[in-house]
Protein backbone atom coordinates (compact mmCIF):
# COMPACT_ATOMS: atom_id res chain seq x y z
CA MET A 1 -38.86 22.11 -17.92
CA ALA A 2 -37.55 25.51 -16.88
CA ARG A 3 -33.86 26.03 -16.17
CA ALA A 4 -33.13 25.67 -12.46
CA LYS A 5 -30.12 26.74 -10.40
CA ILE A 6 -28.20 24.23 -8.27
CA LEU A 7 -25.54 25.14 -5.76
CA VAL A 8 -23.01 22.28 -5.86
CA ALA A 9 -20.73 22.09 -2.83
CA ALA A 10 -18.03 19.52 -3.50
CA THR A 11 -14.34 18.83 -3.95
CA LEU A 12 -14.13 20.31 -7.43
CA ASP A 13 -10.40 19.88 -7.97
CA GLY A 14 -10.56 18.01 -11.28
CA LYS A 15 -9.29 14.77 -9.74
CA GLY A 16 -12.38 13.25 -8.17
CA THR A 17 -15.72 12.22 -9.57
CA ALA A 18 -17.58 15.10 -7.89
CA ASN A 19 -16.32 17.37 -10.65
CA HIS A 20 -17.67 14.89 -13.21
CA ARG A 21 -21.11 15.04 -11.63
CA ALA A 22 -21.05 18.84 -11.69
CA LEU A 23 -20.30 18.68 -15.43
CA ALA A 24 -23.25 16.34 -15.94
CA ILE A 25 -25.58 18.63 -14.01
CA ARG A 26 -24.63 21.47 -16.34
CA ARG A 27 -25.23 19.27 -19.37
CA LEU A 28 -28.67 18.42 -18.01
CA GLY A 29 -29.58 22.09 -18.32
CA TYR A 30 -29.02 23.41 -14.82
CA ASP A 31 -27.17 26.57 -13.85
CA VAL A 32 -24.45 25.42 -11.44
CA VAL A 33 -23.18 27.62 -8.62
CA PRO A 34 -19.91 25.97 -7.50
CA PHE A 35 -18.62 25.87 -3.94
CA ASN A 36 -15.24 24.16 -3.95
CA PHE A 37 -14.06 22.49 -0.73
CA SER A 38 -10.58 22.23 -2.29
CA ASP A 39 -10.18 26.01 -2.10
CA TYR A 40 -10.04 25.64 1.67
CA LEU A 41 -7.87 22.52 1.92
CA SER A 42 -5.18 23.18 -0.68
CA GLY A 43 -1.80 24.22 0.67
CA LEU A 44 -2.46 23.04 4.22
CA GLY A 45 0.22 20.38 4.20
CA LYS A 46 -0.26 16.70 4.98
CA VAL A 47 -0.28 17.02 8.78
CA THR A 48 -2.77 19.89 8.94
CA ASN A 49 -5.01 18.29 6.30
CA TRP A 50 -4.94 15.02 8.25
CA ALA A 51 -5.82 16.84 11.48
CA TYR A 52 -8.83 18.57 9.95
CA HIS A 53 -10.13 15.28 8.52
CA ARG A 54 -9.67 13.55 11.89
CA LEU A 55 -10.92 16.27 14.23
CA MET A 56 -13.53 17.84 11.94
CA ARG A 57 -13.45 21.14 13.83
CA GLY A 58 -11.50 24.38 13.97
CA PRO A 59 -11.47 27.76 12.23
CA LEU A 60 -11.28 26.29 8.72
CA VAL A 61 -14.42 24.20 9.27
CA SER A 62 -16.21 27.26 10.63
CA ARG A 63 -15.15 29.28 7.58
CA ILE A 64 -16.39 26.61 5.17
CA ASN A 65 -19.81 26.60 6.80
CA GLY A 66 -20.03 30.39 7.03
CA ASP A 67 -19.01 30.90 3.41
CA LEU A 68 -21.41 28.19 2.20
CA ARG A 69 -24.32 29.88 3.96
CA GLN A 70 -23.32 33.26 2.57
CA LEU A 71 -23.05 31.96 -1.01
CA ALA A 72 -26.44 30.28 -0.74
CA GLN A 73 -28.03 33.47 0.58
CA SER A 74 -26.52 35.63 -2.17
CA THR A 75 -27.28 33.28 -5.10
CA ARG A 76 -30.67 31.85 -3.97
CA PRO A 77 -30.43 28.46 -5.75
CA ASN A 78 -33.45 26.24 -6.38
CA LEU A 79 -31.60 23.20 -5.03
CA ILE A 80 -28.44 22.63 -3.00
CA LEU A 81 -26.36 19.49 -3.62
CA ILE A 82 -23.58 18.75 -1.16
CA ASP A 83 -21.22 16.04 -2.37
CA LYS A 84 -19.57 14.12 0.49
CA GLY A 85 -20.23 16.92 2.96
CA ILE A 86 -17.88 15.83 5.71
CA PHE A 87 -17.14 19.46 6.63
CA VAL A 88 -20.77 20.67 6.58
CA THR A 89 -22.44 20.84 9.98
CA ALA A 90 -25.96 19.77 10.86
CA GLY A 91 -26.72 23.40 11.73
CA THR A 92 -25.70 24.58 8.28
CA VAL A 93 -27.78 21.90 6.57
CA ARG A 94 -30.78 22.80 8.75
CA PHE A 95 -30.37 26.49 7.90
CA LEU A 96 -30.01 25.89 4.16
CA SER A 97 -33.00 23.57 4.04
CA LYS A 98 -35.24 25.86 6.06
CA HIS A 99 -34.29 29.24 4.59
CA ILE A 100 -32.80 28.68 1.13
CA ALA A 101 -33.71 25.52 -0.81
CA PRO A 102 -34.12 21.74 -0.56
CA THR A 103 -30.81 20.08 0.28
CA ILE A 104 -29.39 16.92 -1.30
CA GLN A 105 -26.46 14.96 0.10
CA HIS A 106 -24.60 12.79 -2.43
CA ASN A 107 -22.01 10.30 -1.26
CA LEU A 108 -20.24 7.60 -3.29
CA ASP A 109 -18.55 6.20 -0.20
CA ASN A 110 -20.17 4.35 2.67
CA PRO A 111 -20.10 6.10 6.06
CA PHE A 112 -21.52 2.90 7.57
CA GLY A 113 -18.76 0.64 6.19
CA THR A 114 -15.78 -0.78 8.04
CA MET A 115 -13.03 1.63 6.99
CA GLY A 116 -13.33 3.38 10.36
CA GLU A 117 -12.72 6.89 9.02
CA LYS A 118 -13.20 9.55 11.72
CA SER A 119 -14.33 12.09 9.10
CA TRP A 120 -17.79 10.50 8.84
CA ARG A 121 -18.98 11.74 12.25
CA ARG A 122 -20.16 15.16 11.09
CA LEU A 123 -21.87 13.81 7.97
CA ILE A 124 -23.74 11.14 9.95
CA ASP A 125 -24.88 13.76 12.49
CA ALA A 126 -26.31 15.86 9.63
CA ILE A 127 -28.19 13.04 7.89
CA PRO A 128 -31.64 13.82 9.44
CA TYR A 129 -31.50 17.45 8.31
CA TYR A 130 -30.99 16.88 4.59
CA ASP A 131 -34.13 16.72 2.50
CA VAL A 132 -32.79 13.95 0.23
CA HIS A 133 -29.81 11.61 0.09
CA PHE A 134 -28.35 10.14 -3.12
CA VAL A 135 -26.56 6.82 -2.46
CA PRO A 136 -25.05 4.27 -4.89
CA ARG A 137 -25.66 0.96 -3.09
CA ASP A 138 -28.83 -0.82 -1.96
CA ILE A 139 -27.55 -1.45 1.56
CA ASN A 140 -27.35 2.29 2.22
CA LEU A 141 -31.07 2.79 1.60
CA ALA A 142 -31.76 1.18 4.97
CA ASP A 143 -28.60 2.54 6.64
CA TYR A 144 -29.48 6.16 5.95
CA LYS A 145 -33.11 5.73 6.95
CA ALA A 146 -32.04 4.14 10.22
CA ALA A 147 -29.83 7.20 10.80
CA GLY A 148 -32.85 9.49 10.41
CA ALA A 149 -32.86 10.30 6.68
CA LYS A 150 -36.13 11.71 5.35
CA ARG A 151 -35.72 10.41 1.79
CA VAL A 152 -33.07 8.22 0.17
CA ILE A 153 -32.76 7.71 -3.60
CA ARG A 154 -30.40 5.23 -5.19
CA VAL A 155 -28.18 6.80 -7.86
CA PRO A 156 -25.95 4.02 -9.27
CA LEU A 157 -22.27 4.46 -10.06
CA ALA A 158 -21.41 5.91 -13.45
CA PHE A 159 -18.79 6.92 -15.98
CA GLU A 160 -18.05 10.43 -17.23
CA PRO A 161 -18.43 10.64 -21.05
CA THR A 162 -16.02 13.57 -21.43
CA VAL A 163 -13.26 11.53 -19.77
CA HIS A 164 -14.12 7.86 -20.24
CA PHE A 165 -14.41 7.12 -23.95
CA PRO A 166 -12.80 4.54 -26.27
CA PRO A 167 -9.53 5.01 -28.17
CA PRO A 168 -9.53 6.21 -31.79
CA PRO A 169 -10.14 3.66 -34.58
CA SER A 170 -6.44 3.63 -35.38
CA TRP A 171 -5.65 2.17 -31.94
CA SER A 172 -4.54 -1.46 -32.08
CA ASP A 173 -3.29 -4.17 -29.77
CA SER A 174 0.27 -3.08 -30.47
CA ASP A 175 -0.59 0.15 -28.62
CA ARG A 176 -1.60 -1.87 -25.56
CA THR A 177 1.90 -2.10 -24.12
CA ILE A 178 0.82 -3.18 -20.61
CA ASP A 179 -0.35 -6.76 -20.13
CA VAL A 180 -2.32 -6.32 -16.88
CA SER A 181 -2.82 -3.07 -14.99
CA PHE A 182 -4.46 -1.83 -11.84
CA THR A 183 -5.04 1.87 -11.25
CA GLY A 184 -6.36 2.84 -7.82
CA SER A 185 -5.92 2.43 -4.07
CA PRO A 186 -4.71 -0.52 -1.95
CA TYR A 187 -7.96 -1.10 -0.08
CA ASP A 188 -8.82 -4.41 1.60
CA ASP A 189 -6.45 -7.25 0.61
CA ARG A 190 -5.46 -5.94 -2.83
CA ALA A 191 -1.75 -5.79 -2.04
CA LYS A 192 -1.75 -9.44 -1.00
CA PHE A 193 -3.69 -10.36 -4.14
CA MET A 194 -1.16 -8.62 -6.38
CA THR A 195 1.85 -10.13 -4.68
CA SER A 196 0.27 -13.60 -4.81
CA LEU A 197 -0.36 -13.22 -8.54
CA LEU A 198 3.36 -12.65 -8.91
CA THR A 199 4.70 -15.26 -6.48
CA ASP A 200 2.16 -18.03 -7.16
CA HIS A 201 1.44 -17.50 -10.85
CA GLY A 202 4.28 -15.40 -12.26
CA ILE A 203 1.92 -12.60 -13.30
CA SER A 204 3.21 -9.05 -12.88
CA VAL A 205 0.53 -6.37 -12.53
CA ASP A 206 1.46 -2.80 -13.45
CA ILE A 207 0.17 -0.84 -10.44
CA GLN A 208 -0.34 2.92 -10.24
CA GLY A 209 -1.98 4.74 -7.37
CA ASP A 210 -1.32 6.24 -3.95
CA ARG A 211 -0.10 4.45 -0.79
CA TRP A 212 0.99 1.32 -2.66
CA GLN A 213 4.66 1.45 -1.70
CA LYS A 214 3.84 0.97 1.97
CA ALA A 215 1.15 -1.64 1.24
CA LEU A 216 3.39 -3.73 -1.01
CA GLY A 217 6.66 -3.37 0.87
CA VAL A 218 9.97 -2.40 -0.65
CA ASP A 219 10.71 -5.60 -2.59
CA PHE A 220 7.32 -6.02 -4.23
CA ALA A 221 6.91 -2.29 -4.86
CA ARG A 222 10.13 -2.38 -6.86
CA LYS A 223 8.67 -5.13 -9.06
CA LEU A 224 5.03 -4.00 -9.40
CA TYR A 225 4.63 -0.30 -8.61
CA THR A 226 5.09 2.12 -11.51
CA GLY A 227 3.81 5.47 -10.24
CA PRO A 228 1.35 7.56 -8.21
CA GLY A 229 -2.32 8.07 -8.92
CA VAL A 230 -3.30 9.46 -12.31
CA TYR A 231 -6.42 11.35 -13.32
CA GLY A 232 -8.28 12.64 -16.36
CA ASP A 233 -6.67 11.83 -19.69
CA ALA A 234 -3.81 9.90 -18.09
CA TYR A 235 -6.29 7.74 -16.17
CA ARG A 236 -8.21 6.86 -19.35
CA GLN A 237 -5.02 6.20 -21.28
CA ARG A 238 -4.02 3.59 -18.71
CA PHE A 239 -7.06 1.59 -19.82
CA TRP A 240 -6.22 2.19 -23.48
CA GLN A 241 -2.66 0.97 -22.96
CA SER A 242 -3.59 -2.20 -21.05
CA LYS A 243 -4.58 -5.55 -22.50
CA LEU A 244 -6.48 -6.38 -19.30
CA CYS A 245 -7.65 -3.91 -16.63
CA LEU A 246 -8.18 -5.21 -13.10
CA SER A 247 -11.03 -3.92 -10.97
CA PHE A 248 -11.92 -4.84 -7.38
CA ILE A 249 -14.97 -4.17 -5.25
CA THR A 250 -14.25 -2.34 -1.98
CA ARG A 251 -15.44 -4.72 0.73
CA SER A 252 -14.90 -2.20 3.50
CA ASN A 253 -17.49 -0.06 1.67
CA CYS A 254 -19.87 -3.06 1.43
CA ASP A 255 -19.72 -2.69 -2.37
CA GLN A 256 -20.99 -5.21 -4.89
CA VAL A 257 -19.80 -3.32 -7.95
CA ALA A 258 -16.80 -1.09 -8.62
CA HIS A 259 -16.93 2.49 -9.85
CA LYS A 260 -13.80 1.73 -11.84
CA SER A 261 -15.63 -1.03 -13.72
CA PHE A 262 -17.89 1.49 -15.44
CA GLU A 263 -14.91 3.72 -16.24
CA ILE A 264 -12.82 0.88 -17.71
CA ALA A 265 -15.68 -0.45 -19.84
CA ALA A 266 -16.70 2.97 -21.19
CA SER A 267 -13.04 3.72 -22.02
CA GLY A 268 -12.75 0.65 -24.21
CA GLY A 269 -10.61 -1.31 -21.78
CA VAL A 270 -11.04 -5.03 -21.17
CA LEU A 271 -12.59 -5.22 -17.71
CA LEU A 272 -11.29 -8.01 -15.46
CA ALA A 273 -13.31 -7.72 -12.28
CA GLU A 274 -14.46 -9.65 -9.24
CA ASP A 275 -17.48 -11.85 -9.88
CA THR A 276 -20.54 -10.46 -8.09
CA ALA A 277 -24.26 -10.56 -8.85
CA GLU A 278 -24.27 -6.82 -9.47
CA HIS A 279 -21.29 -6.94 -11.81
CA ARG A 280 -23.10 -9.64 -13.80
CA SER A 281 -26.23 -7.50 -13.90
CA ILE A 282 -24.42 -4.66 -15.69
CA PHE A 283 -22.07 -6.59 -18.03
CA GLU A 284 -22.31 -10.03 -19.61
CA ASP A 285 -19.45 -12.28 -18.52
CA GLY A 286 -17.24 -13.40 -21.39
CA LYS A 287 -18.86 -10.98 -23.83
CA GLU A 288 -18.65 -7.52 -22.25
CA ALA A 289 -16.29 -8.23 -19.34
CA LEU A 290 -14.36 -11.01 -17.62
CA PHE A 291 -15.24 -11.93 -14.04
CA PHE A 292 -13.04 -13.92 -11.66
CA THR A 293 -14.04 -15.73 -8.47
CA ASP A 294 -10.66 -15.95 -6.73
CA LEU A 295 -6.93 -15.59 -7.25
CA ALA A 296 -6.53 -18.80 -9.23
CA ASP A 297 -9.47 -17.94 -11.48
CA CYS A 298 -8.05 -14.48 -12.12
CA ALA A 299 -4.70 -15.98 -13.07
CA ARG A 300 -6.44 -18.47 -15.36
CA LEU A 301 -8.34 -15.73 -17.19
CA ILE A 302 -5.18 -13.66 -17.61
CA GLY A 303 -3.34 -16.62 -19.09
CA GLU A 304 -6.27 -17.46 -21.37
CA TYR A 305 -7.04 -13.99 -22.71
CA LEU A 306 -3.65 -12.31 -23.07
CA PRO A 307 -2.97 -14.21 -26.32
CA LYS A 308 -6.55 -13.72 -27.63
CA VAL A 309 -6.24 -10.40 -29.42
CA ARG A 310 -9.54 -10.61 -31.32
CA ALA A 311 -11.51 -11.82 -28.31
CA ARG A 312 -10.25 -8.95 -26.17
CA ALA A 313 -11.03 -6.41 -28.90
CA ALA A 314 -14.57 -7.78 -29.20
CA ILE A 315 -15.09 -7.57 -25.42
CA ALA A 316 -13.85 -3.97 -25.37
CA ARG A 317 -16.21 -2.92 -28.19
CA ALA A 318 -19.19 -4.66 -26.59
CA ALA A 319 -18.46 -3.03 -23.22
CA VAL A 320 -18.47 0.46 -24.72
CA GLN A 321 -21.75 -0.25 -26.51
CA ARG A 322 -23.36 -1.65 -23.34
CA SER A 323 -22.18 1.31 -21.25
CA VAL A 324 -23.79 3.83 -23.60
CA GLN A 325 -26.95 1.94 -24.51
CA SER A 326 -27.75 0.89 -20.94
CA GLY A 327 -27.36 4.44 -19.63
CA TYR A 328 -24.37 4.12 -17.32
CA SER A 329 -23.20 7.73 -17.78
CA ASN A 330 -23.41 10.44 -15.13
CA ASP A 331 -26.09 12.19 -17.18
CA ASP A 332 -28.27 9.09 -17.36
CA ARG A 333 -27.85 8.32 -13.66
CA LEU A 334 -28.47 11.84 -12.36
CA ARG A 335 -31.32 12.89 -14.65
CA PRO A 336 -34.11 10.77 -13.09
CA ALA A 337 -32.91 11.43 -9.54
CA LEU A 338 -32.91 15.19 -10.02
CA ASP A 339 -36.26 15.04 -11.80
CA GLU A 340 -37.68 13.18 -8.81
CA VAL A 341 -36.36 15.82 -6.40
CA ARG A 342 -37.80 18.62 -8.51
CA SER A 343 -41.16 16.89 -8.53
CA LEU A 344 -41.08 16.30 -4.77
CA PHE A 345 -40.41 19.96 -4.00
CA SER A 346 -42.23 21.56 -6.97
CA VAL A 347 -39.02 23.13 -8.29
CA ASP A 348 -39.78 24.92 -11.56
């Protein structure tokens, strides 16, 4: 198949997973033309950044759309992929699709969930004008079509092989200095879950991420919170350093599987995640991961497996093998979806 050019408009700041997907697209043999939303948002300050995400209008939004159109016109890509295009207007999408190339909207989050984020308004308005939407959850197939989408393709969650990989052979349990960790955001009732693990079961979870101090409160933050969000190598090393790595589904996103679960497993961490049908479909409970049904079950598994050094090591090895062999990487997830788009629109 001939080499094609894809314009990727996304938050390419090295922190989020959009950058990982851009790397995968390059590895799949595409020429990538980057358009980085972060170039426009960096240095605004918290208040201004908040205002733009809430209001979704103003000179900065106009500049983003104008510059995106100009870049597309000057580079003439074969495809245009817009990753979480909350700043991209319906008019811009319509123009790009009609005059430049087929447009793809990729979104890991759920604009139809219950988080109530104001920033989804513009993206939802633009849904009918994209040629294709990539979504990670089954429920969104119907949601997007009901909102006027022409085509919706499921692209499951993934790990990034250049970031999420197991520790070196010399790594041992003595290097896992954290008993139980959680790395991420305090969505849903996670703060209550963590504090209850401590108060009801005496289990202290090492928590890193943003907004936890407010969610936990001063007293519990002092006992559980160890630092802000980490990314890249530091994010992976959290999994390496932990005997057990907690992972939660985001109910306000209507999720049945966690993105973090793929990342933990591929990194050689021992995944301790909420028990859902989809989690069980990707990893075997007790062999490749550990799944809990509620707080008490989570505490039971922690108490049972912390002393089991060999069992945890076996689970970690099996999880890495399953992640690779079952094709959970960004490359494996994106390849068939992009091939389908190229076939639909006869992109050489």
